Amino acid sequence: MKEILAALIQKKTTIKEEQLNEILACFKPVSVTKNELLLEKDETADRIFFINKGCLRLYYSNSDHSISTRFMAFENTFLTSIVSFISREPSPEYIEAVENSELLVISYHDFFHLRKTIPEWDKMYIYILEYGLTVITSKLSSLLTQNAAERYRNLLKNNPELIQRLSNANLAAYLNISPETLSRIKSQI
């Protein structure tokens, strides 16, 4: 179950086999079911999830009970509430399984223990941070510069798996539009 993660670590670092085994031992396999919450608002994020199979979403629930999805994470992707994970402050967001999922989970303690004992592990930390930054920047850019139809077309072109795998409600929340607007856009395209 850890082969995909091992290959990613080897691609992004020059970690030796013995160190790789030590790292992989810190990741615990976890199976979660659709709609299972892995992080609730106001909890401190104390785990990073690597998705072997399935889909997780990172979202906000607003005071009017509307939902804004910040990120949808599929296979071969890391996910956590990164600001909470780093700052040790309560998270303003939730993490939920969108599908039944097979995850590899590392705790905050183990993650930072690896940073202290295996300096090369910092390359994975930088990779996770850079990936998160590019995703957030790209999403913010699309929200600020594109209308709803343009965001949908862009998603259709660049991430068709999101449209195929997500419910209309989750897709609308990801695009930051109402389900009704999404239906209208789909009927016009």
N, C-alpha and C. Protein backbone atom coordinates (compact mmCIF):
# COMPACT_ATOMS: atom_id res chain seq x y z
N MET A 1 0.81 -1.21 0.00
CA MET A 1 0.00 0.00 0.00
C MET A 1 0.86 1.27 0.00
N LYS A 2 2.11 1.14 0.37
CA LYS A 2 2.97 2.32 0.48
C LYS A 2 3.87 2.53 -0.74
N GLU A 3 3.68 1.73 -1.80
CA GLU A 3 4.56 1.81 -2.97
C GLU A 3 4.47 3.16 -3.67
N ILE A 4 3.26 3.69 -3.82
CA ILE A 4 3.08 4.97 -4.53
C ILE A 4 3.73 6.10 -3.74
N LEU A 5 3.54 6.09 -2.42
CA LEU A 5 4.16 7.10 -1.57
C LEU A 5 5.68 6.96 -1.64
N ALA A 6 6.18 5.74 -1.57
CA ALA A 6 7.63 5.53 -1.64
C ALA A 6 8.20 6.07 -2.95
N ALA A 7 7.51 5.82 -4.06
CA ALA A 7 7.98 6.32 -5.36
C ALA A 7 7.99 7.84 -5.39
N LEU A 8 6.98 8.48 -4.83
CA LEU A 8 6.95 9.94 -4.79
C LEU A 8 8.10 10.49 -3.95
N ILE A 9 8.33 9.90 -2.80
CA ILE A 9 9.43 10.34 -1.93
C ILE A 9 10.76 10.19 -2.65
N GLN A 10 10.96 9.08 -3.33
CA GLN A 10 12.22 8.85 -4.05
C GLN A 10 12.38 9.82 -5.21
N LYS A 11 11.26 10.21 -5.83
CA LYS A 11 11.31 11.17 -6.94
C LYS A 11 11.69 12.57 -6.46
N LYS A 12 11.23 12.95 -5.27
CA LYS A 12 11.41 14.31 -4.77
C LYS A 12 12.64 14.48 -3.88
N THR A 13 13.28 13.39 -3.48
CA THR A 13 14.42 13.46 -2.56
C THR A 13 15.52 12.50 -3.01
N THR A 14 16.62 12.53 -2.26
CA THR A 14 17.69 11.55 -2.47
C THR A 14 17.85 10.70 -1.20
N ILE A 15 16.75 10.35 -0.61
CA ILE A 15 16.74 9.57 0.64
C ILE A 15 17.23 8.16 0.36
N LYS A 16 18.06 7.67 1.27
CA LYS A 16 18.59 6.31 1.16
C LYS A 16 17.51 5.31 1.59
N GLU A 17 17.69 4.05 1.17
CA GLU A 17 16.70 2.99 1.42
C GLU A 17 16.37 2.84 2.91
N GLU A 18 17.38 2.88 3.75
CA GLU A 18 17.16 2.72 5.20
C GLU A 18 16.30 3.88 5.74
N GLN A 19 16.59 5.08 5.29
CA GLN A 19 15.81 6.24 5.73
C GLN A 19 14.38 6.18 5.16
N LEU A 20 14.26 5.71 3.93
CA LEU A 20 12.93 5.57 3.32
C LEU A 20 12.07 4.62 4.15
N ASN A 21 12.65 3.52 4.58
CA ASN A 21 11.91 2.56 5.40
C ASN A 21 11.48 3.19 6.73
N GLU A 22 12.36 4.00 7.32
CA GLU A 22 12.03 4.70 8.56
C GLU A 22 10.86 5.67 8.34
N ILE A 23 10.90 6.37 7.23
CA ILE A 23 9.83 7.32 6.89
C ILE A 23 8.51 6.58 6.68
N LEU A 24 8.55 5.55 5.85
CA LEU A 24 7.33 4.81 5.54
C LEU A 24 6.71 4.18 6.79
N ALA A 25 7.54 3.81 7.75
CA ALA A 25 7.02 3.23 9.00
C ALA A 25 6.19 4.25 9.79
N CYS A 26 6.41 5.53 9.55
CA CYS A 26 5.65 6.58 10.25
C CYS A 26 4.26 6.79 9.65
N PHE A 27 4.03 6.31 8.44
CA PHE A 27 2.73 6.44 7.78
C PHE A 27 1.88 5.22 8.07
N LYS A 28 0.72 5.43 8.66
CA LYS A 28 -0.19 4.35 9.04
C LYS A 28 -1.36 4.29 8.06
N PRO A 29 -1.69 3.08 7.59
CA PRO A 29 -2.83 2.95 6.68
C PRO A 29 -4.15 3.14 7.43
N VAL A 30 -5.05 3.88 6.81
CA VAL A 30 -6.37 4.13 7.39
C VAL A 30 -7.40 4.07 6.26
N SER A 31 -8.48 3.34 6.50
CA SER A 31 -9.61 3.31 5.56
C SER A 31 -10.72 4.17 6.14
N VAL A 32 -11.28 5.03 5.30
CA VAL A 32 -12.38 5.89 5.74
C VAL A 32 -13.55 5.74 4.77
N THR A 33 -14.73 6.01 5.29
CA THR A 33 -15.94 5.87 4.48
C THR A 33 -16.41 7.23 3.98
N LYS A 34 -17.18 7.18 2.91
CA LYS A 34 -17.74 8.40 2.33
C LYS A 34 -18.46 9.20 3.41
N ASN A 35 -18.23 10.52 3.41
CA ASN A 35 -18.82 11.49 4.34
C ASN A 35 -18.20 11.48 5.74
N GLU A 36 -17.18 10.67 5.97
CA GLU A 36 -16.52 10.65 7.27
C GLU A 36 -15.68 11.91 7.45
N LEU A 37 -15.85 12.57 8.60
CA LEU A 37 -15.05 13.76 8.90
C LEU A 37 -13.72 13.35 9.50
N LEU A 38 -12.63 13.89 8.94
CA LEU A 38 -11.29 13.60 9.42
C LEU A 38 -10.73 14.77 10.23
N LEU A 39 -11.32 15.94 10.04
CA LEU A 39 -10.96 17.12 10.81
C LEU A 39 -12.21 17.99 10.90
N GLU A 40 -12.50 18.45 12.09
CA GLU A 40 -13.63 19.35 12.27
C GLU A 40 -13.12 20.76 12.58
N LYS A 41 -13.96 21.73 12.26
CA LYS A 41 -13.64 23.11 12.56
C LYS A 41 -13.29 23.24 14.05
N ASP A 42 -12.30 24.06 14.34
CA ASP A 42 -11.81 24.35 15.69
C ASP A 42 -10.97 23.24 16.31
N GLU A 43 -10.73 22.15 15.58
CA GLU A 43 -9.74 21.17 16.01
C GLU A 43 -8.40 21.59 15.44
N THR A 44 -7.34 21.20 16.09
CA THR A 44 -6.00 21.45 15.55
C THR A 44 -5.62 20.28 14.65
N ALA A 45 -5.21 20.60 13.44
CA ALA A 45 -4.81 19.56 12.49
C ALA A 45 -3.54 18.90 12.99
N ASP A 46 -3.62 17.63 13.31
CA ASP A 46 -2.44 16.93 13.84
C ASP A 46 -2.03 15.76 12.96
N ARG A 47 -2.57 15.72 11.72
CA ARG A 47 -2.21 14.65 10.79
C ARG A 47 -2.15 15.21 9.37
N ILE A 48 -1.28 14.59 8.57
CA ILE A 48 -1.26 14.82 7.13
C ILE A 48 -1.72 13.51 6.49
N PHE A 49 -2.61 13.63 5.52
CA PHE A 49 -3.15 12.48 4.82
C PHE A 49 -2.53 12.38 3.43
N PHE A 50 -2.09 11.17 3.07
CA PHE A 50 -1.68 10.89 1.70
C PHE A 50 -2.74 9.96 1.13
N ILE A 51 -3.31 10.34 0.01
CA ILE A 51 -4.43 9.59 -0.55
C ILE A 51 -3.92 8.54 -1.53
N ASN A 52 -4.07 7.28 -1.15
CA ASN A 52 -3.75 6.18 -2.06
C ASN A 52 -4.89 5.95 -3.02
N LYS A 53 -6.11 6.00 -2.50
CA LYS A 53 -7.31 5.77 -3.31
C LYS A 53 -8.44 6.58 -2.70
N GLY A 54 -9.17 7.28 -3.55
CA GLY A 54 -10.33 8.02 -3.06
C GLY A 54 -10.20 9.52 -3.24
N CYS A 55 -10.97 10.24 -2.44
CA CYS A 55 -11.03 11.70 -2.57
C CYS A 55 -11.39 12.31 -1.22
N LEU A 56 -10.66 13.35 -0.85
CA LEU A 56 -10.95 14.14 0.35
C LEU A 56 -11.20 15.58 -0.07
N ARG A 57 -12.00 16.27 0.73
CA ARG A 57 -12.18 17.70 0.46
C ARG A 57 -11.91 18.50 1.71
N LEU A 58 -11.38 19.67 1.49
CA LEU A 58 -11.09 20.65 2.53
C LEU A 58 -12.09 21.77 2.31
N TYR A 59 -12.93 22.05 3.32
CA TYR A 59 -13.98 23.03 3.10
C TYR A 59 -14.27 23.86 4.33
N TYR A 60 -14.94 24.98 4.09
CA TYR A 60 -15.42 25.88 5.14
C TYR A 60 -16.94 25.76 5.18
N SER A 61 -17.49 25.83 6.38
CA SER A 61 -18.94 25.94 6.54
C SER A 61 -19.18 27.34 7.10
N ASN A 62 -19.89 28.15 6.33
CA ASN A 62 -20.10 29.54 6.70
C ASN A 62 -21.24 29.69 7.71
N SER A 63 -21.36 30.86 8.29
CA SER A 63 -22.37 31.10 9.33
C SER A 63 -23.79 30.88 8.80
N ASP A 64 -24.00 31.03 7.50
CA ASP A 64 -25.33 30.78 6.92
C ASP A 64 -25.49 29.31 6.49
N HIS A 65 -24.55 28.47 6.91
CA HIS A 65 -24.52 27.03 6.64
C HIS A 65 -24.22 26.69 5.18
N SER A 66 -23.79 27.68 4.41
CA SER A 66 -23.33 27.38 3.05
C SER A 66 -21.93 26.80 3.15
N ILE A 67 -21.54 26.08 2.12
CA ILE A 67 -20.25 25.39 2.12
C ILE A 67 -19.40 25.96 1.00
N SER A 68 -18.13 26.23 1.32
CA SER A 68 -17.15 26.65 0.32
C SER A 68 -16.00 25.66 0.35
N THR A 69 -15.81 24.97 -0.75
CA THR A 69 -14.74 23.98 -0.83
C THR A 69 -13.46 24.66 -1.29
N ARG A 70 -12.42 24.50 -0.50
CA ARG A 70 -11.13 25.10 -0.85
C ARG A 70 -10.32 24.18 -1.75
N PHE A 71 -10.40 22.87 -1.50
CA PHE A 71 -9.56 21.95 -2.26
C PHE A 71 -10.18 20.57 -2.28
N MET A 72 -10.06 19.91 -3.42
CA MET A 72 -10.44 18.51 -3.58
C MET A 72 -9.14 17.75 -3.85
N ALA A 73 -8.86 16.75 -3.04
CA ALA A 73 -7.61 16.00 -3.17
C ALA A 73 -7.91 14.57 -3.60
N PHE A 74 -7.25 14.14 -4.66
CA PHE A 74 -7.43 12.80 -5.19
C PHE A 74 -6.14 11.99 -4.96
N GLU A 75 -6.07 10.85 -5.62
CA GLU A 75 -4.95 9.93 -5.45
C GLU A 75 -3.60 10.63 -5.61
N ASN A 76 -2.64 10.16 -4.83
CA ASN A 76 -1.23 10.61 -4.87
C ASN A 76 -1.05 12.05 -4.41
N THR A 77 -1.95 12.52 -3.55
CA THR A 77 -1.91 13.89 -3.07
C THR A 77 -1.90 13.90 -1.54
N PHE A 78 -1.17 14.86 -0.97
CA PHE A 78 -1.19 15.10 0.47
C PHE A 78 -2.28 16.11 0.78
N LEU A 79 -2.87 15.98 1.97
CA LEU A 79 -3.87 16.96 2.39
C LEU A 79 -3.87 17.10 3.91
N THR A 80 -3.94 18.35 4.35
CA THR A 80 -4.20 18.71 5.74
C THR A 80 -4.66 20.16 5.75
N SER A 81 -5.08 20.62 6.88
CA SER A 81 -5.32 22.05 7.06
C SER A 81 -3.96 22.63 7.41
N ILE A 82 -3.21 23.06 6.41
CA ILE A 82 -1.78 23.33 6.57
C ILE A 82 -1.47 24.44 7.57
N VAL A 83 -2.26 25.49 7.59
CA VAL A 83 -1.99 26.57 8.55
C VAL A 83 -2.17 26.06 9.98
N SER A 84 -3.22 25.30 10.22
CA SER A 84 -3.43 24.72 11.55
C SER A 84 -2.32 23.73 11.90
N PHE A 85 -1.93 22.91 10.93
CA PHE A 85 -0.88 21.92 11.15
C PHE A 85 0.43 22.58 11.56
N ILE A 86 0.79 23.66 10.89
CA ILE A 86 2.05 24.34 11.17
C ILE A 86 1.96 25.18 12.44
N SER A 87 0.88 25.97 12.56
CA SER A 87 0.78 26.94 13.66
C SER A 87 0.33 26.32 14.98
N ARG A 88 -0.28 25.12 14.91
CA ARG A 88 -0.86 24.44 16.07
C ARG A 88 -2.07 25.21 16.60
N GLU A 89 -2.69 26.00 15.74
CA GLU A 89 -3.91 26.74 16.08
C GLU A 89 -5.12 25.95 15.58
N PRO A 90 -6.30 26.21 16.14
CA PRO A 90 -7.51 25.53 15.66
C PRO A 90 -7.76 25.82 14.19
N SER A 91 -8.26 24.83 13.51
CA SER A 91 -8.52 24.96 12.07
C SER A 91 -9.86 25.64 11.84
N PRO A 92 -9.93 26.53 10.83
CA PRO A 92 -11.21 27.13 10.46
C PRO A 92 -11.98 26.27 9.46
N GLU A 93 -11.43 25.10 9.10
CA GLU A 93 -12.01 24.29 8.04
C GLU A 93 -12.18 22.84 8.45
N TYR A 94 -12.85 22.11 7.61
CA TYR A 94 -13.12 20.69 7.80
C TYR A 94 -12.40 19.89 6.72
N ILE A 95 -12.13 18.62 7.04
CA ILE A 95 -11.68 17.66 6.02
C ILE A 95 -12.66 16.50 6.06
N GLU A 96 -13.18 16.15 4.89
CA GLU A 96 -14.19 15.10 4.78
C GLU A 96 -13.84 14.17 3.63
N ALA A 97 -14.13 12.88 3.81
CA ALA A 97 -13.99 11.92 2.72
C ALA A 97 -15.18 12.07 1.78
N VAL A 98 -14.91 12.33 0.52
CA VAL A 98 -15.96 12.45 -0.49
C VAL A 98 -16.31 11.08 -1.06
N GLU A 99 -15.36 10.17 -0.99
CA GLU A 99 -15.53 8.78 -1.43
C GLU A 99 -14.95 7.89 -0.34
N ASN A 100 -15.30 6.60 -0.36
CA ASN A 100 -14.56 5.65 0.47
C ASN A 100 -13.11 5.76 0.05
N SER A 101 -12.21 5.90 1.01
CA SER A 101 -10.82 6.22 0.67
C SER A 101 -9.84 5.39 1.47
N GLU A 102 -8.71 5.12 0.84
CA GLU A 102 -7.57 4.43 1.48
C GLU A 102 -6.47 5.47 1.64
N LEU A 103 -6.09 5.73 2.87
CA LEU A 103 -5.14 6.80 3.18
C LEU A 103 -3.92 6.25 3.88
N LEU A 104 -2.83 7.02 3.80
CA LEU A 104 -1.66 6.83 4.64
C LEU A 104 -1.56 8.10 5.47
N VAL A 105 -1.44 7.94 6.77
CA VAL A 105 -1.53 9.08 7.68
C VAL A 105 -0.26 9.18 8.52
N ILE A 106 0.27 10.40 8.59
CA ILE A 106 1.42 10.66 9.46
C ILE A 106 1.03 11.73 10.46
N SER A 107 1.43 11.53 11.70
CA SER A 107 1.09 12.49 12.75
C SER A 107 2.04 13.69 12.70
N TYR A 108 1.58 14.78 13.30
CA TYR A 108 2.42 15.98 13.43
C TYR A 108 3.75 15.62 14.10
N HIS A 109 3.66 14.88 15.20
CA HIS A 109 4.86 14.51 15.94
C HIS A 109 5.84 13.74 15.05
N ASP A 110 5.35 12.72 14.35
CA ASP A 110 6.24 11.92 13.50
C ASP A 110 6.78 12.74 12.32
N PHE A 111 5.94 13.58 11.74
CA PHE A 111 6.36 14.39 10.60
C PHE A 111 7.54 15.28 10.99
N PHE A 112 7.43 15.97 12.13
CA PHE A 112 8.50 16.88 12.53
C PHE A 112 9.68 16.15 13.16
N HIS A 113 9.45 14.96 13.69
CA HIS A 113 10.57 14.12 14.14
C HIS A 113 11.44 13.74 12.93
N LEU A 114 10.79 13.42 11.82
CA LEU A 114 11.55 13.10 10.60
C LEU A 114 12.35 14.30 10.12
N ARG A 115 11.79 15.49 10.24
CA ARG A 115 12.53 16.69 9.84
C ARG A 115 13.80 16.86 10.68
N LYS A 116 13.72 16.50 11.95
CA LYS A 116 14.90 16.63 12.83
C LYS A 116 15.93 15.55 12.59
N THR A 117 15.48 14.34 12.29
CA THR A 117 16.40 13.20 12.21
C THR A 117 16.85 12.87 10.79
N ILE A 118 16.08 13.29 9.79
CA ILE A 118 16.44 13.02 8.39
C ILE A 118 16.33 14.35 7.63
N PRO A 119 17.42 15.11 7.59
CA PRO A 119 17.37 16.43 6.95
C PRO A 119 16.81 16.42 5.52
N GLU A 120 17.03 15.35 4.79
CA GLU A 120 16.54 15.24 3.42
C GLU A 120 15.00 15.25 3.37
N TRP A 121 14.35 14.90 4.48
CA TRP A 121 12.89 14.91 4.56
C TRP A 121 12.34 16.32 4.33
N ASP A 122 13.16 17.33 4.60
CA ASP A 122 12.72 18.72 4.37
C ASP A 122 12.31 18.94 2.90
N LYS A 123 12.90 18.19 1.99
CA LYS A 123 12.51 18.33 0.59
C LYS A 123 11.05 17.93 0.38
N MET A 124 10.57 16.94 1.14
CA MET A 124 9.16 16.57 1.04
C MET A 124 8.29 17.65 1.67
N TYR A 125 8.76 18.22 2.76
CA TYR A 125 8.02 19.30 3.41
C TYR A 125 7.88 20.48 2.43
N ILE A 126 8.97 20.83 1.77
CA ILE A 126 8.94 21.92 0.80
C ILE A 126 8.01 21.56 -0.36
N TYR A 127 8.05 20.32 -0.82
CA TYR A 127 7.17 19.88 -1.89
C TYR A 127 5.70 20.05 -1.49
N ILE A 128 5.34 19.62 -0.29
CA ILE A 128 3.96 19.74 0.19
C ILE A 128 3.55 21.20 0.27
N LEU A 129 4.43 22.04 0.82
CA LEU A 129 4.12 23.47 0.93
C LEU A 129 3.99 24.13 -0.44
N GLU A 130 4.91 23.83 -1.34
CA GLU A 130 4.87 24.44 -2.68
C GLU A 130 3.63 23.98 -3.45
N TYR A 131 3.30 22.72 -3.35
CA TYR A 131 2.11 22.21 -4.02
C TYR A 131 0.87 22.93 -3.49
N GLY A 132 0.76 23.02 -2.17
CA GLY A 132 -0.37 23.72 -1.56
C GLY A 132 -0.45 25.17 -1.99
N LEU A 133 0.69 25.85 -2.03
CA LEU A 133 0.72 27.25 -2.43
C LEU A 133 0.27 27.43 -3.88
N THR A 134 0.72 26.57 -4.78
CA THR A 134 0.32 26.70 -6.18
C THR A 134 -1.17 26.42 -6.35
N VAL A 135 -1.70 25.45 -5.62
CA VAL A 135 -3.12 25.14 -5.72
C VAL A 135 -3.96 26.31 -5.21
N ILE A 136 -3.59 26.85 -4.06
CA ILE A 136 -4.34 27.97 -3.48
C ILE A 136 -4.27 29.19 -4.39
N THR A 137 -3.09 29.50 -4.90
CA THR A 137 -2.92 30.66 -5.77
C THR A 137 -3.73 30.50 -7.06
N SER A 138 -3.71 29.32 -7.63
CA SER A 138 -4.47 29.06 -8.86
C SER A 138 -5.97 29.20 -8.62
N LYS A 139 -6.44 28.65 -7.50
CA LYS A 139 -7.88 28.76 -7.21
C LYS A 139 -8.27 30.22 -6.95
N LEU A 140 -7.47 30.93 -6.19
CA LEU A 140 -7.77 32.34 -5.91
C LEU A 140 -7.78 33.15 -7.20
N SER A 141 -6.82 32.89 -8.06
CA SER A 141 -6.76 33.59 -9.35
C SER A 141 -8.02 33.34 -10.16
N SER A 142 -8.48 32.09 -10.21
CA SER A 142 -9.68 31.79 -11.00
C SER A 142 -10.91 32.45 -10.38
N LEU A 143 -11.00 32.49 -9.06
CA LEU A 143 -12.14 33.14 -8.41
C LEU A 143 -12.16 34.65 -8.67
N LEU A 144 -10.98 35.25 -8.76
CA LEU A 144 -10.90 36.70 -8.95
C LEU A 144 -10.97 37.14 -10.41
N THR A 145 -10.60 36.25 -11.33
CA THR A 145 -10.49 36.69 -12.72
C THR A 145 -11.45 36.00 -13.68
N GLN A 146 -12.18 34.98 -13.24
CA GLN A 146 -13.06 34.25 -14.14
C GLN A 146 -14.49 34.25 -13.60
N ASN A 147 -15.46 34.27 -14.52
CA ASN A 147 -16.84 34.10 -14.08
C ASN A 147 -17.12 32.60 -13.90
N ALA A 148 -18.30 32.27 -13.45
CA ALA A 148 -18.63 30.89 -13.13
C ALA A 148 -18.49 29.97 -14.34
N ALA A 149 -18.97 30.40 -15.49
CA ALA A 149 -18.89 29.56 -16.70
C ALA A 149 -17.44 29.34 -17.11
N GLU A 150 -16.61 30.36 -16.99
CA GLU A 150 -15.18 30.21 -17.33
C GLU A 150 -14.50 29.24 -16.36
N ARG A 151 -14.84 29.32 -15.08
CA ARG A 151 -14.26 28.40 -14.11
C ARG A 151 -14.65 26.95 -14.43
N TYR A 152 -15.91 26.75 -14.80
CA TYR A 152 -16.38 25.41 -15.15
C TYR A 152 -15.66 24.89 -16.40
N ARG A 153 -15.57 25.73 -17.44
CA ARG A 153 -14.88 25.32 -18.67
C ARG A 153 -13.41 24.99 -18.39
N ASN A 154 -12.78 25.79 -17.56
CA ASN A 154 -11.38 25.56 -17.20
C ASN A 154 -11.24 24.22 -16.47
N LEU A 155 -12.16 23.94 -15.58
CA LEU A 155 -12.15 22.67 -14.85
C LEU A 155 -12.38 21.51 -15.81
N LEU A 156 -13.31 21.68 -16.73
CA LEU A 156 -13.61 20.65 -17.72
C LEU A 156 -12.38 20.34 -18.57
N LYS A 157 -11.63 21.37 -18.91
CA LYS A 157 -10.44 21.21 -19.74
C LYS A 157 -9.26 20.62 -18.95
N ASN A 158 -9.02 21.15 -17.74
CA ASN A 158 -7.80 20.80 -17.00
C ASN A 158 -7.97 19.71 -15.95
N ASN A 159 -9.18 19.53 -15.42
CA ASN A 159 -9.42 18.54 -14.37
C ASN A 159 -10.75 17.82 -14.59
N PRO A 160 -10.91 17.15 -15.72
CA PRO A 160 -12.20 16.50 -15.99
C PRO A 160 -12.58 15.45 -14.95
N GLU A 161 -11.58 14.88 -14.25
CA GLU A 161 -11.89 13.88 -13.22
C GLU A 161 -12.73 14.47 -12.10
N LEU A 162 -12.57 15.75 -11.82
CA LEU A 162 -13.40 16.39 -10.80
C LEU A 162 -14.86 16.36 -11.22
N ILE A 163 -15.13 16.67 -12.46
CA ILE A 163 -16.51 16.70 -12.94
C ILE A 163 -17.10 15.29 -12.98
N GLN A 164 -16.28 14.31 -13.32
CA GLN A 164 -16.76 12.93 -13.40
C GLN A 164 -16.99 12.31 -12.03
N ARG A 165 -16.16 12.63 -11.06
CA ARG A 165 -16.21 11.94 -9.77
C ARG A 165 -17.02 12.64 -8.70
N LEU A 166 -17.27 13.94 -8.84
CA LEU A 166 -17.93 14.68 -7.78
C LEU A 166 -19.42 14.84 -8.02
N SER A 167 -20.16 14.88 -6.94
CA SER A 167 -21.58 15.19 -7.04
C SER A 167 -21.72 16.65 -7.47
N ASN A 168 -22.88 17.00 -8.00
CA ASN A 168 -23.12 18.39 -8.39
C ASN A 168 -22.98 19.34 -7.21
N ALA A 169 -23.43 18.91 -6.03
CA ALA A 169 -23.33 19.77 -4.84
C ALA A 169 -21.86 20.04 -4.50
N ASN A 170 -21.03 19.00 -4.53
CA ASN A 170 -19.60 19.18 -4.22
C ASN A 170 -18.91 19.99 -5.31
N LEU A 171 -19.28 19.75 -6.56
CA LEU A 171 -18.69 20.49 -7.67
C LEU A 171 -19.05 21.97 -7.59
N ALA A 172 -20.30 22.26 -7.28
CA ALA A 172 -20.73 23.66 -7.13
C ALA A 172 -19.98 24.33 -5.99
N ALA A 173 -19.84 23.64 -4.87
CA ALA A 173 -19.11 24.21 -3.73
C ALA A 173 -17.66 24.47 -4.10
N TYR A 174 -17.06 23.57 -4.88
CA TYR A 174 -15.67 23.76 -5.31
C TYR A 174 -15.54 24.98 -6.22
N LEU A 175 -16.52 25.18 -7.09
CA LEU A 175 -16.49 26.32 -8.02
C LEU A 175 -16.99 27.61 -7.38
N ASN A 176 -17.46 27.50 -6.14
CA ASN A 176 -17.99 28.65 -5.39
C ASN A 176 -19.21 29.26 -6.09
N ILE A 177 -20.10 28.35 -6.53
CA ILE A 177 -21.35 28.77 -7.15
C ILE A 177 -22.48 27.93 -6.58
N SER A 178 -23.71 28.32 -6.83
CA SER A 178 -24.85 27.55 -6.36
C SER A 178 -25.07 26.34 -7.27
N PRO A 179 -25.69 25.27 -6.76
CA PRO A 179 -26.00 24.13 -7.62
C PRO A 179 -26.88 24.52 -8.81
N GLU A 180 -27.75 25.49 -8.61
CA GLU A 180 -28.61 25.94 -9.70
C GLU A 180 -27.78 26.59 -10.82
N THR A 181 -26.82 27.42 -10.43
CA THR A 181 -25.93 28.04 -11.43
C THR A 181 -25.14 26.97 -12.17
N LEU A 182 -24.66 25.97 -11.45
CA LEU A 182 -23.92 24.88 -12.10
C LEU A 182 -24.81 24.16 -13.12
N SER A 183 -26.04 23.88 -12.76
CA SER A 183 -26.96 23.22 -13.69
C SER A 183 -27.18 24.06 -14.95
N ARG A 184 -27.34 25.36 -14.76
CA ARG A 184 -27.52 26.28 -15.90
C ARG A 184 -26.29 26.24 -16.82
N ILE A 185 -25.12 26.31 -16.21
CA ILE A 185 -23.87 26.31 -17.00
C ILE A 185 -23.75 24.99 -17.76
N LYS A 186 -24.00 23.88 -17.10
CA LYS A 186 -23.89 22.58 -17.76
C LYS A 186 -24.85 22.47 -18.95
N SER A 187 -26.03 23.02 -18.81
CA SER A 187 -27.02 22.93 -19.90
C SER A 187 -26.63 23.79 -21.10
N GLN A 188 -25.78 24.79 -20.88
CA GLN A 188 -25.37 25.69 -21.95
C GLN A 188 -24.09 25.24 -22.66
N ILE A 189 -23.40 24.29 -22.06
CA ILE A 189 -22.11 23.85 -22.63
C ILE A 189 -22.29 22.53 -23.36
